[in-house]
Amino acid sequence: MSSQTILIIDDDMTALDIVDFLFEDKGFEVVRRADGVSALECVEDAEPDIILIDLMMPKMSGQDCVRELRQRGIEVPIVAFTAVDDPEIHEEAMDAGCNLVLTKPCKPQVLVEQIQKLLDSTNEC
């Protein structure tokens, strides 16, 4: 069985390193990008099974990136992973096309469980 690919988009290099390590340790292939613009450039080649994206980034907000991904026909689950604990921002992310919003900091086990749950529900369809 081939591993699943997760595209992680976050301008915080420490967060990228931690999440990268966490998912590689669980057997995922990890593709990292530091902003939405570079993520849009690589998404078709990366063929991710799921996308984890920060909302507050330079060049392009996470919400704008998600909207563009959805407009391009990218249908994989997208999880917003943000330090912003504002219900309006979370609602905007969901309206943009996110399947789930998780707030940083988040226990690693919870993050992995939520990602796996989304992947499992996608694979059942």
PDB file of N, CA and C in Angstrom:
ATOM      1  N   MET A   1       0.844  -1.185   0.000  1.00  0.00           N
ATOM      2  CA  MET A   1       0.000   0.000   0.000  1.00  0.00           C
ATOM      3  C   MET A   1       0.885   1.243   0.000  1.00  0.00           C
ATOM      4  N   SER A   2       0.622   2.168  -0.884  1.00  0.00           N
ATOM      5  CA  SER A   2       1.431   3.378  -0.946  1.00  0.00           C
ATOM      6  C   SER A   2       1.000   4.342   0.158  1.00  0.00           C
ATOM      7  N   SER A   3       1.942   5.180   0.576  1.00  0.00           N
ATOM      8  CA  SER A   3       1.634   6.127   1.650  1.00  0.00           C
ATOM      9  C   SER A   3       0.770   7.256   1.115  1.00  0.00           C
ATOM     10  N   GLN A   4       0.082   7.906   2.026  1.00  0.00           N
ATOM     11  CA  GLN A   4      -0.747   9.040   1.646  1.00  0.00           C
ATOM     12  C   GLN A   4       0.094  10.306   1.718  1.00  0.00           C
ATOM     13  N   THR A   5      -0.259  11.257   0.876  1.00  0.00           N
ATOM     14  CA  THR A   5       0.493  12.508   0.796  1.00  0.00           C
ATOM     15  C   THR A   5      -0.293  13.633   1.441  1.00  0.00           C
ATOM     16  N   ILE A   6       0.385  14.383   2.299  1.00  0.00           N
ATOM     17  CA  ILE A   6      -0.210  15.564   2.917  1.00  0.00           C
ATOM     18  C   ILE A   6       0.585  16.785   2.468  1.00  0.00           C
ATOM     19  N   LEU A   7      -0.120  17.801   1.992  1.00  0.00           N
ATOM     20  CA  LEU A   7       0.486  19.082   1.630  1.00  0.00           C
ATOM     21  C   LEU A   7       0.280  20.014   2.817  1.00  0.00           C
ATOM     22  N   ILE A   8       1.375  20.480   3.405  1.00  0.00           N
ATOM     23  CA  ILE A   8       1.321  21.378   4.553  1.00  0.00           C
ATOM     24  C   ILE A   8       1.749  22.764   4.086  1.00  0.00           C
ATOM     25  N   ILE A   9       0.882  23.752   4.321  1.00  0.00           N
ATOM     26  CA  ILE A   9       1.146  25.123   3.882  1.00  0.00           C
ATOM     27  C   ILE A   9       1.143  26.018   5.117  1.00  0.00           C
ATOM     28  N   ASP A  10       2.313  26.547   5.468  1.00  0.00           N
ATOM     29  CA  ASP A  10       2.428  27.388   6.662  1.00  0.00           C
ATOM     30  C   ASP A  10       3.701  28.215   6.545  1.00  0.00           C
ATOM     31  N   ASP A  11       3.611  29.495   6.879  1.00  0.00           N
ATOM     32  CA  ASP A  11       4.788  30.363   6.805  1.00  0.00           C
ATOM     33  C   ASP A  11       5.659  30.268   8.054  1.00  0.00           C
ATOM     34  N   ASP A  12       5.192  29.596   9.079  1.00  0.00           N
ATOM     35  CA  ASP A  12       5.949  29.403  10.316  1.00  0.00           C
ATOM     36  C   ASP A  12       6.799  28.143  10.164  1.00  0.00           C
ATOM     37  N   MET A  13       8.103  28.330   9.991  1.00  0.00           N
ATOM     38  CA  MET A  13       8.994  27.191   9.736  1.00  0.00           C
ATOM     39  C   MET A  13       9.024  26.202  10.899  1.00  0.00           C
ATOM     40  N   THR A  14       8.900  26.694  12.122  1.00  0.00           N
ATOM     41  CA  THR A  14       8.874  25.789  13.274  1.00  0.00           C
ATOM     42  C   THR A  14       7.638  24.905  13.213  1.00  0.00           C
ATOM     43  N   ALA A  15       6.493  25.506  12.922  1.00  0.00           N
ATOM     44  CA  ALA A  15       5.254  24.726  12.793  1.00  0.00           C
ATOM     45  C   ALA A  15       5.384  23.716  11.660  1.00  0.00           C
ATOM     46  N   LEU A  16       5.969  24.138  10.540  1.00  0.00           N
ATOM     47  CA  LEU A  16       6.176  23.221   9.414  1.00  0.00           C
ATOM     48  C   LEU A  16       7.034  22.029   9.826  1.00  0.00           C
ATOM     49  N   ASP A  17       8.120  22.309  10.537  1.00  0.00           N
ATOM     50  CA  ASP A  17       9.017  21.233  10.970  1.00  0.00           C
ATOM     51  C   ASP A  17       8.306  20.245  11.893  1.00  0.00           C
ATOM     52  N   ILE A  18       7.548  20.768  12.846  1.00  0.00           N
ATOM     53  CA  ILE A  18       6.858  19.905  13.811  1.00  0.00           C
ATOM     54  C   ILE A  18       5.814  19.041  13.120  1.00  0.00           C
ATOM     55  N   VAL A  19       4.979  19.665  12.303  1.00  0.00           N
ATOM     56  CA  VAL A  19       3.908  18.919  11.636  1.00  0.00           C
ATOM     57  C   VAL A  19       4.494  17.940  10.619  1.00  0.00           C
ATOM     58  N   ASP A  20       5.543  18.354   9.926  1.00  0.00           N
ATOM     59  CA  ASP A  20       6.239  17.474   8.984  1.00  0.00           C
ATOM     60  C   ASP A  20       6.716  16.215   9.708  1.00  0.00           C
ATOM     61  N   PHE A  21       7.426  16.393  10.820  1.00  0.00           N
ATOM     62  CA  PHE A  21       7.934  15.256  11.590  1.00  0.00           C
ATOM     63  C   PHE A  21       6.791  14.361  12.065  1.00  0.00           C
ATOM     64  N   LEU A  22       5.736  14.976  12.566  1.00  0.00           N
ATOM     65  CA  LEU A  22       4.592  14.231  13.091  1.00  0.00           C
ATOM     66  C   LEU A  22       3.985  13.317  12.030  1.00  0.00           C
ATOM     67  N   PHE A  23       3.763  13.853  10.832  1.00  0.00           N
ATOM     68  CA  PHE A  23       3.110  13.058   9.796  1.00  0.00           C
ATOM     69  C   PHE A  23       4.066  12.092   9.101  1.00  0.00           C
ATOM     70  N   GLU A  24       5.336  12.461   8.949  1.00  0.00           N
ATOM     71  CA  GLU A  24       6.303  11.493   8.406  1.00  0.00           C
ATOM     72  C   GLU A  24       6.419  10.294   9.337  1.00  0.00           C
ATOM     73  N   ASP A  25       6.377  10.564  10.642  1.00  0.00           N
ATOM     74  CA  ASP A  25       6.450   9.491  11.634  1.00  0.00           C
ATOM     75  C   ASP A  25       5.247   8.547  11.534  1.00  0.00           C
ATOM     76  N   LYS A  26       4.130   9.057  11.032  1.00  0.00           N
ATOM     77  CA  LYS A  26       2.918   8.245  10.860  1.00  0.00           C
ATOM     78  C   LYS A  26       2.844   7.613   9.470  1.00  0.00           C
ATOM     79  N   GLY A  27       3.908   7.770   8.670  1.00  0.00           N
ATOM     80  CA  GLY A  27       3.971   7.112   7.371  1.00  0.00           C
ATOM     81  C   GLY A  27       3.482   7.927   6.191  1.00  0.00           C
ATOM     82  N   PHE A  28       3.208   9.199   6.399  1.00  0.00           N
ATOM     83  CA  PHE A  28       2.765  10.065   5.309  1.00  0.00           C
ATOM     84  C   PHE A  28       3.959  10.555   4.499  1.00  0.00           C
ATOM     85  N   GLU A  29       3.720  10.788   3.220  1.00  0.00           N
ATOM     86  CA  GLU A  29       4.668  11.553   2.413  1.00  0.00           C
ATOM     87  C   GLU A  29       4.271  13.004   2.616  1.00  0.00           C
ATOM     88  N   VAL A  30       5.222  13.856   2.968  1.00  0.00           N
ATOM     89  CA  VAL A  30       4.925  15.245   3.291  1.00  0.00           C
ATOM     90  C   VAL A  30       5.502  16.170   2.227  1.00  0.00           C
ATOM     91  N   VAL A  31       4.656  17.081   1.732  1.00  0.00           N
ATOM     92  CA  VAL A  31       5.078  18.143   0.825  1.00  0.00           C
ATOM     93  C   VAL A  31       4.852  19.441   1.590  1.00  0.00           C
ATOM     94  N   ARG A  32       5.875  20.291   1.641  1.00  0.00           N
ATOM     95  CA  ARG A  32       5.819  21.523   2.430  1.00  0.00           C
ATOM     96  C   ARG A  32       5.885  22.748   1.525  1.00  0.00           C
ATOM     97  N   ARG A  33       5.083  23.736   1.861  1.00  0.00           N
ATOM     98  CA  ARG A  33       5.161  25.028   1.190  1.00  0.00           C
ATOM     99  C   ARG A  33       4.957  26.121   2.232  1.00  0.00           C
ATOM    100  N   ALA A  34       5.656  27.249   2.053  1.00  0.00           N
ATOM    101  CA  ALA A  34       5.624  28.327   3.032  1.00  0.00           C
ATOM    102  C   ALA A  34       4.581  29.399   2.731  1.00  0.00           C
ATOM    103  N   ASP A  35       3.895  29.288   1.604  1.00  0.00           N
ATOM    104  CA  ASP A  35       2.857  30.270   1.282  1.00  0.00           C
ATOM    105  C   ASP A  35       1.891  29.691   0.255  1.00  0.00           C
ATOM    106  N   GLY A  36       0.751  30.353   0.135  1.00  0.00           N
ATOM    107  CA  GLY A  36      -0.288  29.878  -0.766  1.00  0.00           C
ATOM    108  C   GLY A  36       0.099  29.910  -2.228  1.00  0.00           C
ATOM    109  N   VAL A  37       0.878  30.907  -2.621  1.00  0.00           N
ATOM    110  CA  VAL A  37       1.277  31.026  -4.026  1.00  0.00           C
ATOM    111  C   VAL A  37       2.109  29.814  -4.452  1.00  0.00           C
ATOM    112  N   SER A  38       3.110  29.460  -3.659  1.00  0.00           N
ATOM    113  CA  SER A  38       3.939  28.305  -4.023  1.00  0.00           C
ATOM    114  C   SER A  38       3.154  27.000  -3.899  1.00  0.00           C
ATOM    115  N   ALA A  39       2.186  26.957  -2.998  1.00  0.00           N
ATOM    116  CA  ALA A  39       1.340  25.760  -2.883  1.00  0.00           C
ATOM    117  C   ALA A  39       0.504  25.567  -4.145  1.00  0.00           C
ATOM    118  N   LEU A  40      -0.044  26.658  -4.662  1.00  0.00           N
ATOM    119  CA  LEU A  40      -0.843  26.567  -5.888  1.00  0.00           C
ATOM    120  C   LEU A  40       0.011  26.099  -7.064  1.00  0.00           C
ATOM    121  N   GLU A  41       1.291  26.493  -7.068  1.00  0.00           N
ATOM    122  CA  GLU A  41       2.190  26.089  -8.151  1.00  0.00           C
ATOM    123  C   GLU A  41       2.505  24.596  -8.116  1.00  0.00           C
ATOM    124  N   CYS A  42       2.460  23.991  -6.936  1.00  0.00           N
ATOM    125  CA  CYS A  42       2.889  22.589  -6.823  1.00  0.00           C
ATOM    126  C   CYS A  42       1.755  21.591  -6.640  1.00  0.00           C
ATOM    127  N   VAL A  43       0.554  22.049  -6.379  1.00  0.00           N
ATOM    128  CA  VAL A  43      -0.506  21.140  -5.929  1.00  0.00           C
ATOM    129  C   VAL A  43      -0.826  20.036  -6.934  1.00  0.00           C
ATOM    130  N   GLU A  44      -0.831  20.337  -8.213  1.00  0.00           N
ATOM    131  CA  GLU A  44      -1.183  19.305  -9.191  1.00  0.00           C
ATOM    132  C   GLU A  44      -0.098  18.241  -9.302  1.00  0.00           C
ATOM    133  N   ASP A  45       1.166  18.643  -9.213  1.00  0.00           N
ATOM    134  CA  ASP A  45       2.259  17.668  -9.254  1.00  0.00           C
ATOM    135  C   ASP A  45       2.341  16.859  -7.959  1.00  0.00           C
ATOM    136  N   ALA A  46       2.053  17.501  -6.835  1.00  0.00           N
ATOM    137  CA  ALA A  46       2.152  16.831  -5.534  1.00  0.00           C
ATOM    138  C   ALA A  46       1.046  15.794  -5.342  1.00  0.00           C
ATOM    139  N   GLU A  47      -0.100  16.013  -5.969  1.00  0.00           N
ATOM    140  CA  GLU A  47      -1.258  15.124  -5.843  1.00  0.00           C
ATOM    141  C   GLU A  47      -1.526  14.733  -4.389  1.00  0.00           C
ATOM    142  N   PRO A  48      -1.769  15.731  -3.513  1.00  0.00           N
ATOM    143  CA  PRO A  48      -1.991  15.405  -2.105  1.00  0.00           C
ATOM    144  C   PRO A  48      -3.325  14.692  -1.885  1.00  0.00           C
ATOM    145  N   ASP A  49      -3.351  13.879  -0.835  1.00  0.00           N
ATOM    146  CA  ASP A  49      -4.594  13.238  -0.410  1.00  0.00           C
ATOM    147  C   ASP A  49      -5.358  14.141   0.544  1.00  0.00           C
ATOM    148  N   ILE A  50      -4.633  15.060   1.177  1.00  0.00           N
ATOM    149  CA  ILE A  50      -5.220  16.014   2.114  1.00  0.00           C
ATOM    150  C   ILE A  50      -4.299  17.220   2.206  1.00  0.00           C
ATOM    151  N   ILE A  51      -4.879  18.373   2.542  1.00  0.00           N
ATOM    152  CA  ILE A  51      -4.115  19.615   2.645  1.00  0.00           C
ATOM    153  C   ILE A  51      -4.345  20.210   4.029  1.00  0.00           C
ATOM    154  N   LEU A  52      -3.253  20.626   4.674  1.00  0.00           N
ATOM    155  CA  LEU A  52      -3.293  21.302   5.968  1.00  0.00           C
ATOM    156  C   LEU A  52      -2.746  22.699   5.734  1.00  0.00           C
ATOM    157  N   ILE A  53      -3.557  23.737   6.025  1.00  0.00           N
ATOM    158  CA  ILE A  53      -3.161  25.095   5.660  1.00  0.00           C
ATOM    159  C   ILE A  53      -3.371  26.083   6.796  1.00  0.00           C
ATOM    160  N   ASP A  54      -2.384  26.944   6.986  1.00  0.00           N
ATOM    161  CA  ASP A  54      -2.505  28.064   7.916  1.00  0.00           C
ATOM    162  C   ASP A  54      -3.370  29.123   7.229  1.00  0.00           C
ATOM    163  N   LEU A  55      -4.041  29.955   8.013  1.00  0.00           N
ATOM    164  CA  LEU A  55      -4.893  30.977   7.407  1.00  0.00           C
ATOM    165  C   LEU A  55      -4.188  32.317   7.239  1.00  0.00           C
ATOM    166  N   MET A  56      -3.303  32.666   8.161  1.00  0.00           N
ATOM    167  CA  MET A  56      -2.631  33.964   8.126  1.00  0.00           C
ATOM    168  C   MET A  56      -1.215  33.796   7.585  1.00  0.00           C
ATOM    169  N   MET A  57      -1.054  34.109   6.303  1.00  0.00           N
ATOM    170  CA  MET A  57       0.252  33.965   5.652  1.00  0.00           C
ATOM    171  C   MET A  57       0.511  35.148   4.730  1.00  0.00           C
ATOM    172  N   PRO A  58       1.787  35.413   4.431  1.00  0.00           N
ATOM    173  CA  PRO A  58       2.105  36.476   3.472  1.00  0.00           C
ATOM    174  C   PRO A  58       1.752  36.038   2.049  1.00  0.00           C
ATOM    175  N   LYS A  59       1.706  36.986   1.163  1.00  0.00           N
ATOM    176  CA  LYS A  59       1.443  36.792  -0.269  1.00  0.00           C
ATOM    177  C   LYS A  59      -0.015  36.461  -0.555  1.00  0.00           C
ATOM    178  N   MET A  60      -0.590  35.516   0.186  1.00  0.00           N
ATOM    179  CA  MET A  60      -1.968  35.095  -0.060  1.00  0.00           C
ATOM    180  C   MET A  60      -2.505  34.472   1.228  1.00  0.00           C
ATOM    181  N   SER A  61      -3.692  34.880   1.631  1.00  0.00           N
ATOM    182  CA  SER A  61      -4.268  34.293   2.845  1.00  0.00           C
ATOM    183  C   SER A  61      -4.630  32.833   2.601  1.00  0.00           C
ATOM    184  N   GLY A  62      -4.743  32.098   3.670  1.00  0.00           N
ATOM    185  CA  GLY A  62      -5.160  30.705   3.554  1.00  0.00           C
ATOM    186  C   GLY A  62      -6.534  30.582   2.916  1.00  0.00           C
ATOM    187  N   GLN A  63      -7.447  31.487   3.285  1.00  0.00           N
ATOM    188  CA  GLN A  63      -8.794  31.448   2.718  1.00  0.00           C
ATOM    189  C   GLN A  63      -8.765  31.651   1.204  1.00  0.00           C
ATOM    190  N   ASP A  64      -7.965  32.618   0.746  1.00  0.00           N
ATOM    191  CA  ASP A  64      -7.866  32.861  -0.700  1.00  0.00           C
ATOM    192  C   ASP A  64      -7.251  31.662  -1.417  1.00  0.00           C
ATOM    193  N   CYS A  65      -6.269  31.049  -0.800  1.00  0.00           N
ATOM    194  CA  CYS A  65      -5.641  29.865  -1.391  1.00  0.00           C
ATOM    195  C   CYS A  65      -6.655  28.724  -1.499  1.00  0.00           C
ATOM    196  N   VAL A  66      -7.436  28.527  -0.438  1.00  0.00           N
ATOM    197  CA  VAL A  66      -8.451  27.461  -0.455  1.00  0.00           C
ATOM    198  C   VAL A  66      -9.477  27.724  -1.552  1.00  0.00           C
ATOM    199  N   ARG A  67      -9.933  28.969  -1.662  1.00  0.00           N
ATOM    200  CA  ARG A  67     -10.893  29.309  -2.730  1.00  0.00           C
ATOM    201  C   ARG A  67     -10.318  28.962  -4.104  1.00  0.00           C
ATOM    202  N   GLU A  68      -9.053  29.327  -4.315  1.00  0.00           N
ATOM    203  CA  GLU A  68      -8.407  29.054  -5.605  1.00  0.00           C
ATOM    204  C   GLU A  68      -8.258  27.552  -5.834  1.00  0.00           C
ATOM    205  N   LEU A  69      -7.897  26.813  -4.804  1.00  0.00           N
ATOM    206  CA  LEU A  69      -7.791  25.355  -4.934  1.00  0.00           C
ATOM    207  C   LEU A  69      -9.131  24.758  -5.348  1.00  0.00           C
ATOM    208  N   ARG A  70     -10.187  25.199  -4.700  1.00  0.00           N
ATOM    209  CA  ARG A  70     -11.523  24.675  -5.024  1.00  0.00           C
ATOM    210  C   ARG A  70     -11.939  25.081  -6.441  1.00  0.00           C
ATOM    211  N   GLN A  71     -11.614  26.313  -6.839  1.00  0.00           N
ATOM    212  CA  GLN A  71     -11.944  26.755  -8.198  1.00  0.00           C
ATOM    213  C   GLN A  71     -11.199  25.940  -9.245  1.00  0.00           C
ATOM    214  N   ARG A  72     -10.024  25.447  -8.903  1.00  0.00           N
ATOM    215  CA  ARG A  72      -9.240  24.610  -9.820  1.00  0.00           C
ATOM    216  C   ARG A  72      -9.707  23.153  -9.817  1.00  0.00           C
ATOM    217  N   GLY A  73     -10.698  22.861  -9.017  1.00  0.00           N
ATOM    218  CA  GLY A  73     -11.231  21.501  -8.994  1.00  0.00           C
ATOM    219  C   GLY A  73     -10.541  20.563  -8.024  1.00  0.00           C
ATOM    220  N   ILE A  74      -9.733  21.101  -7.125  1.00  0.00           N
ATOM    221  CA  ILE A  74      -9.081  20.267  -6.109  1.00  0.00           C
ATOM    222  C   ILE A  74     -10.146  19.889  -5.080  1.00  0.00           C
ATOM    223  N   GLU A  75     -10.432  18.592  -4.986  1.00  0.00           N
ATOM    224  CA  GLU A  75     -11.531  18.135  -4.134  1.00  0.00           C
ATOM    225  C   GLU A  75     -11.084  17.424  -2.869  1.00  0.00           C
ATOM    226  N   VAL A  76      -9.783  17.285  -2.647  1.00  0.00           N
ATOM    227  CA  VAL A  76      -9.310  16.593  -1.447  1.00  0.00           C
ATOM    228  C   VAL A  76      -9.694  17.398  -0.208  1.00  0.00           C
ATOM    229  N   PRO A  77      -9.778  16.738   0.945  1.00  0.00           N
ATOM    230  CA  PRO A  77     -10.092  17.476   2.171  1.00  0.00           C
ATOM    231  C   PRO A  77      -9.030  18.533   2.465  1.00  0.00           C
ATOM    232  N   ILE A  78      -9.499  19.676   2.953  1.00  0.00           N
ATOM    233  CA  ILE A  78      -8.608  20.762   3.346  1.00  0.00           C
ATOM    234  C   ILE A  78      -8.914  21.126   4.794  1.00  0.00           C
ATOM    235  N   VAL A  79      -7.860  21.144   5.607  1.00  0.00           N
ATOM    236  CA  VAL A  79      -7.987  21.478   7.022  1.00  0.00           C
ATOM    237  C   VAL A  79      -7.240  22.777   7.286  1.00  0.00           C
ATOM    238  N   ALA A  80      -7.969  23.772   7.809  1.00  0.00           N
ATOM    239  CA  ALA A  80      -7.315  25.002   8.250  1.00  0.00           C
ATOM    240  C   ALA A  80      -6.732  24.735   9.630  1.00  0.00           C
ATOM    241  N   PHE A  81      -5.477  25.102   9.812  1.00  0.00           N
ATOM    242  CA  PHE A  81      -4.769  24.897  11.074  1.00  0.00           C
ATOM    243  C   PHE A  81      -4.203  26.249  11.463  1.00  0.00           C
ATOM    244  N   THR A  82      -4.863  26.937  12.398  1.00  0.00           N
ATOM    245  CA  THR A  82      -4.571  28.340  12.630  1.00  0.00           C
ATOM    246  C   THR A  82      -4.475  28.695  14.108  1.00  0.00           C
ATOM    247  N   ALA A  83      -3.676  29.695  14.405  1.00  0.00           N
ATOM    248  CA  ALA A  83      -3.570  30.212  15.768  1.00  0.00           C
ATOM    249  C   ALA A  83      -4.699  31.194  16.073  1.00  0.00           C
ATOM    250  N   VAL A  84      -5.459  31.570  15.067  1.00  0.00           N
ATOM    251  CA  VAL A  84      -6.548  32.527  15.239  1.00  0.00           C
ATOM    252  C   VAL A  84      -7.777  31.793  15.779  1.00  0.00           C
ATOM    253  N   ASP A  85      -8.199  32.185  16.974  1.00  0.00           N
ATOM    254  CA  ASP A  85      -9.361  31.557  17.602  1.00  0.00           C
ATOM    255  C   ASP A  85     -10.549  32.518  17.527  1.00  0.00           C
ATOM    256  N   ASP A  86     -10.970  32.798  16.308  1.00  0.00           N
ATOM    257  CA  ASP A  86     -12.062  33.734  16.049  1.00  0.00           C
ATOM    258  C   ASP A  86     -13.123  33.017  15.222  1.00  0.00           C
ATOM    259  N   PRO A  87     -14.325  32.853  15.770  1.00  0.00           N
ATOM    260  CA  PRO A  87     -15.377  32.126  15.049  1.00  0.00           C
ATOM    261  C   PRO A  87     -15.671  32.687  13.654  1.00  0.00           C
ATOM    262  N   GLU A  88     -15.553  34.001  13.482  1.00  0.00           N
ATOM    263  CA  GLU A  88     -15.806  34.588  12.160  1.00  0.00           C
ATOM    264  C   GLU A  88     -14.750  34.144  11.147  1.00  0.00           C
ATOM    265  N   ILE A  89     -13.497  34.108  11.576  1.00  0.00           N
ATOM    266  CA  ILE A  89     -12.414  33.656  10.693  1.00  0.00           C
ATOM    267  C   ILE A  89     -12.601  32.178  10.370  1.00  0.00           C
ATOM    268  N   HIS A  90     -12.986  31.395  11.357  1.00  0.00           N
ATOM    269  CA  HIS A  90     -13.227  29.964  11.135  1.00  0.00           C
ATOM    270  C   HIS A  90     -14.375  29.764  10.148  1.00  0.00           C
ATOM    271  N   GLU A  91     -15.436  30.553  10.300  1.00  0.00           N
ATOM    272  CA  GLU A  91     -16.569  30.456   9.376  1.00  0.00           C
ATOM    273  C   GLU A  91     -16.153  30.852   7.956  1.00  0.00           C
ATOM    274  N   GLU A  92     -15.326  31.880   7.848  1.00  0.00           N
ATOM    275  CA  GLU A  92     -14.830  32.299   6.533  1.00  0.00           C
ATOM    276  C   GLU A  92     -14.012  31.182   5.884  1.00  0.00           C
ATOM    277  N   ALA A  93     -13.214  30.484   6.684  1.00  0.00           N
ATOM    278  CA  ALA A  93     -12.417  29.366   6.158  1.00  0.00           C
ATOM    279  C   ALA A  93     -13.329  28.246   5.662  1.00  0.00           C
ATOM    280  N   MET A  94     -14.372  27.950   6.414  1.00  0.00           N
ATOM    281  CA  MET A  94     -15.316  26.910   5.996  1.00  0.00           C
ATOM    282  C   MET A  94     -16.043  27.342   4.718  1.00  0.00           C
ATOM    283  N   ASP A  95     -16.445  28.604   4.659  1.00  0.00           N
ATOM    284  CA  ASP A  95     -17.114  29.123   3.461  1.00  0.00           C
ATOM    285  C   ASP A  95     -16.193  29.081   2.244  1.00  0.00           C
ATOM    286  N   ALA A  96     -14.892  29.242   2.463  1.00  0.00           N
ATOM    287  CA  ALA A  96     -13.920  29.205   1.361  1.00  0.00           C
ATOM    288  C   ALA A  96     -13.762  27.796   0.799  1.00  0.00           C
ATOM    289  N   GLY A  97     -14.091  26.787   1.619  1.00  0.00           N
ATOM    290  CA  GLY A  97     -13.985  25.412   1.128  1.00  0.00           C
ATOM    291  C   GLY A  97     -13.255  24.448   2.043  1.00  0.00           C
ATOM    292  N   CYS A  98     -12.885  24.902   3.243  1.00  0.00           N
ATOM    293  CA  CYS A  98     -12.244  23.986   4.194  1.00  0.00           C
ATOM    294  C   CYS A  98     -13.263  22.968   4.703  1.00  0.00           C
ATOM    295  N   ASN A  99     -12.779  21.786   4.991  1.00  0.00           N
ATOM    296  CA  ASN A  99     -13.624  20.743   5.565  1.00  0.00           C
ATOM    297  C   ASN A  99     -13.627  20.790   7.086  1.00  0.00           C
ATOM    298  N   LEU A 100     -12.592  21.409   7.647  1.00  0.00           N
ATOM    299  CA  LEU A 100     -12.420  21.431   9.096  1.00  0.00           C
ATOM    300  C   LEU A 100     -11.476  22.566   9.458  1.00  0.00           C
ATOM    301  N   VAL A 101     -11.696  23.160  10.639  1.00  0.00           N
ATOM    302  CA  VAL A 101     -10.784  24.169  11.168  1.00  0.00           C
ATOM    303  C   VAL A 101     -10.310  23.689  12.537  1.00  0.00           C
ATOM    304  N   LEU A 102      -8.997  23.628  12.718  1.00  0.00           N
ATOM    305  CA  LEU A 102      -8.395  23.280  14.001  1.00  0.00           C
ATOM    306  C   LEU A 102      -7.558  24.460  14.475  1.00  0.00           C
ATOM    307  N   THR A 103      -7.588  24.705  15.778  1.00  0.00           N
ATOM    308  CA  THR A 103      -6.866  25.833  16.348  1.00  0.00           C
ATOM    309  C   THR A 103      -5.547  25.377  16.962  1.00  0.00           C
ATOM    310  N   LYS A 104      -4.476  26.122  16.641  1.00  0.00           N
ATOM    311  CA  LYS A 104      -3.164  25.900  17.249  1.00  0.00           C
ATOM    312  C   LYS A 104      -3.161  26.579  18.618  1.00  0.00           C
ATOM    313  N   PRO A 105      -2.491  26.078  19.602  1.00  0.00           N
ATOM    314  CA  PRO A 105      -1.844  24.771  19.587  1.00  0.00           C
ATOM    315  C   PRO A 105      -2.879  23.662  19.708  1.00  0.00           C
ATOM    316  N   CYS A 106      -2.502  22.535  19.196  1.00  0.00           N
ATOM    317  CA  CYS A 106      -3.387  21.370  19.175  1.00  0.00           C
ATOM    318  C   CYS A 106      -2.539  20.162  19.557  1.00  0.00           C
ATOM    319  N   LYS A 107      -3.087  19.301  20.375  1.00  0.00           N
ATOM    320  CA  LYS A 107      -2.340  18.095  20.738  1.00  0.00           C
ATOM    321  C   LYS A 107      -2.041  17.303  19.472  1.00  0.00           C
ATOM    322  N   PRO A 108      -0.810  16.840  19.312  1.00  0.00           N
ATOM    323  CA  PRO A 108      -0.448  16.084  18.108  1.00  0.00           C
ATOM    324  C   PRO A 108      -1.392  14.919  17.826  1.00  0.00           C
ATOM    325  N   GLN A 109      -1.787  14.201  18.861  1.00  0.00           N
ATOM    326  CA  GLN A 109      -2.683  13.059  18.678  1.00  0.00           C
ATOM    327  C   GLN A 109      -4.023  13.500  18.092  1.00  0.00           C
ATOM    328  N   VAL A 110      -4.533  14.637  18.549  1.00  0.00           N
ATOM    329  CA  VAL A 110      -5.809  15.153  18.041  1.00  0.00           C
ATOM    330  C   VAL A 110      -5.667  15.527  16.570  1.00  0.00           C
ATOM    331  N   LEU A 111      -4.571  16.191  16.218  1.00  0.00           N
ATOM    332  CA  LEU A 111      -4.340  16.578  14.826  1.00  0.00           C
ATOM    333  C   LEU A 111      -4.296  15.352  13.920  1.00  0.00           C
ATOM    334  N   VAL A 112      -3.525  14.356  14.302  1.00  0.00           N
ATOM    335  CA  VAL A 112      -3.412  13.136  13.496  1.00  0.00           C
ATOM    336  C   VAL A 112      -4.763  12.428  13.399  1.00  0.00           C
ATOM    337  N   GLU A 113      -5.482  12.331  14.513  1.00  0.00           N
ATOM    338  CA  GLU A 113      -6.792  11.662  14.505  1.00  0.00           C
ATOM    339  C   GLU A 113      -7.770  12.366  13.577  1.00  0.00           C
ATOM    340  N   GLN A 114      -7.802  13.694  13.624  1.00  0.00           N
ATOM    341  CA  GLN A 114      -8.737  14.446  12.780  1.00  0.00           C
ATOM    342  C   GLN A 114      -8.386  14.303  11.296  1.00  0.00           C
ATOM    343  N   ILE A 115      -7.103  14.329  10.984  1.00  0.00           N
ATOM    344  CA  ILE A 115      -6.666  14.149   9.596  1.00  0.00           C
ATOM    345  C   ILE A 115      -7.033  12.746   9.121  1.00  0.00           C
ATOM    346  N   GLN A 116      -6.757  11.738   9.940  1.00  0.00           N
ATOM    347  CA  GLN A 116      -7.059  10.357   9.557  1.00  0.00           C
ATOM    348  C   GLN A 116      -8.560  10.139   9.402  1.00  0.00           C
ATOM    349  N   LYS A 117      -9.333  10.759  10.274  1.00  0.00           N
ATOM    350  CA  LYS A 117     -10.797  10.652  10.200  1.00  0.00           C
ATOM    351  C   LYS A 117     -11.313  11.213   8.865  1.00  0.00           C
ATOM    352  N   LEU A 118     -10.797  12.366   8.478  1.00  0.00           N
ATOM    353  CA  LEU A 118     -11.192  12.954   7.190  1.00  0.00           C
ATOM    354  C   LEU A 118     -10.777  12.064   6.026  1.00  0.00           C
ATOM    355  N   LEU A 119      -9.567  11.542   6.083  1.00  0.00           N
ATOM    356  CA  LEU A 119      -9.094  10.656   5.012  1.00  0.00           C
ATOM    357  C   LEU A 119      -9.939   9.389   4.940  1.00  0.00           C
ATOM    358  N   ASP A 120     -10.262   8.824   6.091  1.00  0.00           N
ATOM    359  CA  ASP A 120     -11.083   7.611   6.117  1.00  0.00           C
ATOM    360  C   ASP A 120     -12.467   7.864   5.541  1.00  0.00           C
ATOM    361  N   SER A 121     -13.065   9.009   5.878  1.00  0.00           N
ATOM    362  CA  SER A 121     -14.408   9.307   5.361  1.00  0.00           C
ATOM    363  C   SER A 121     -14.368   9.575   3.862  1.00  0.00           C
ATOM    364  N   THR A 122     -13.272  10.145   3.378  1.00  0.00           N
ATOM    365  CA  THR A 122     -13.116  10.390   1.943  1.00  0.00           C
ATOM    366  C   THR A 122     -12.959   9.075   1.191  1.00  0.00           C
ATOM    367  N   ASN A 123     -12.207   8.147   1.764  1.00  0.00           N
ATOM    368  CA  ASN A 123     -11.963   6.859   1.115  1.00  0.00           C
ATOM    369  C   ASN A 123     -13.188   5.961   1.109  1.00  0.00           C
ATOM    370  N   GLU A 124     -14.158   6.220   1.997  1.00  0.00           N
ATOM    371  CA  GLU A 124     -15.379   5.422   2.039  1.00  0.00           C
ATOM    372  C   GLU A 124     -16.313   5.751   0.888  1.00  0.00           C
ATOM    373  N   CYS A 125     -16.175   6.939   0.341  1.00  0.00           N
ATOM    374  CA  CYS A 125     -17.084   7.383  -0.731  1.00  0.00           C
ATOM    375  C   CYS A 125     -16.802   6.681  -2.038  1.00  0.00           C
TER     376      CYS A 125
END
